[in-house]
Protein backbone atom coordinates (compact mmCIF):
# COMPACT_ATOMS: atom_id res chain seq x y z
CA MET A 1 -0.71 0.99 -2.41
CA ALA A 2 -2.62 4.30 -3.06
CA PHE A 3 -1.22 7.27 -2.61
CA GLN A 4 -2.48 10.81 -1.84
CA GLN A 5 -1.96 14.68 -2.35
CA SER A 6 -0.61 14.36 1.40
CA ASP A 7 2.39 11.60 0.81
CA LEU A 8 3.31 13.78 -2.53
CA ASP A 9 3.62 17.20 -0.11
CA ARG A 10 5.61 15.55 2.88
CA LEU A 11 8.04 13.43 0.31
CA ASP A 12 8.39 17.43 -1.52
CA ALA A 13 8.87 18.43 2.02
CA ALA A 14 11.65 15.78 2.78
CA ILE A 15 13.44 16.69 -0.36
CA SER A 16 13.60 20.43 0.86
CA SER A 17 14.60 19.74 4.15
CA GLY A 18 17.37 17.47 3.67
CA VAL A 19 15.64 14.69 5.30
CA ARG A 20 16.19 11.03 3.98
CA SER A 21 13.06 9.60 5.50
CA VAL A 22 9.01 9.64 5.36
CA THR A 23 6.70 8.12 6.76
CA PHE A 24 3.01 7.74 4.83
CA ALA A 25 -0.31 8.43 4.95
CA ASP A 26 -0.76 4.66 5.89
CA GLY A 27 2.14 4.83 8.02
CA ARG A 28 4.77 3.17 6.36
CA ARG A 29 8.39 4.69 6.10
CA THR A 30 10.45 4.35 4.30
CA GLU A 31 14.47 5.35 4.05
CA TYR A 32 16.05 6.97 0.50
CA GLN A 33 19.68 6.45 -0.27
CA ASN A 34 19.84 9.72 -1.65
CA VAL A 35 17.79 12.68 -3.13
CA ALA A 36 18.03 10.85 -6.79
CA ASP A 37 15.91 7.92 -5.38
CA MET A 38 13.69 10.65 -3.87
CA LEU A 39 12.99 12.65 -6.76
CA ARG A 40 11.92 8.92 -9.00
CA ALA A 41 9.69 8.33 -6.14
CA ARG A 42 8.14 11.66 -6.01
CA ASP A 43 7.66 11.65 -9.68
CA MET A 44 6.09 7.88 -9.17
CA ILE A 45 3.60 9.49 -6.60
CA ARG A 46 2.84 12.56 -8.80
CA GLY A 47 1.58 10.34 -11.99
CA GLU A 48 -0.23 8.13 -9.52
CA ILE A 49 -1.69 10.81 -8.15
CA ASP A 50 -2.34 12.37 -11.78
CA ALA A 51 -4.11 8.82 -13.22
CA VAL A 52 -6.80 8.84 -10.27
CA ALA A 53 -7.29 12.25 -11.01
CA SER A 54 -7.53 11.96 -14.88
CA THR A 55 -9.81 8.52 -14.43
CA GLY A 56 -11.19 9.26 -11.23
CA ARG A 57 -10.62 5.69 -10.43
CA ARG A 58 -7.38 4.65 -8.20
CA ARG A 59 -5.16 2.42 -10.06
CA ARG A 60 -2.97 -0.11 -8.39
CA LEU A 61 1.55 0.95 -7.93
CA THR A 62 3.78 -1.22 -7.24
CA ILE A 63 6.89 0.19 -5.49
CA MET A 64 10.24 -1.40 -5.48
CA GLN A 65 12.44 -0.52 -2.14
CA VAL A 66 15.60 0.45 -3.18
CA GLY A 67 18.64 0.69 -0.84
CA ARG A 68 18.64 -0.75 2.59
CA ARG A 69 17.35 -0.24 5.84
């Protein structure tokens, strides 16, 4: 999945408000176990967005889901 700025914004808003679930632009909903998992996901998404911005093209990023639903 290629991430968008709106995905990063949604995750940041969830972190700020204490909510542990996020619905991303593609409709996929992820519930995180804790803030540390959310911060790791945020860093990965930010890296993906930065990589796209610097190269002008998307790269494929696989995210491992942590925890149970």
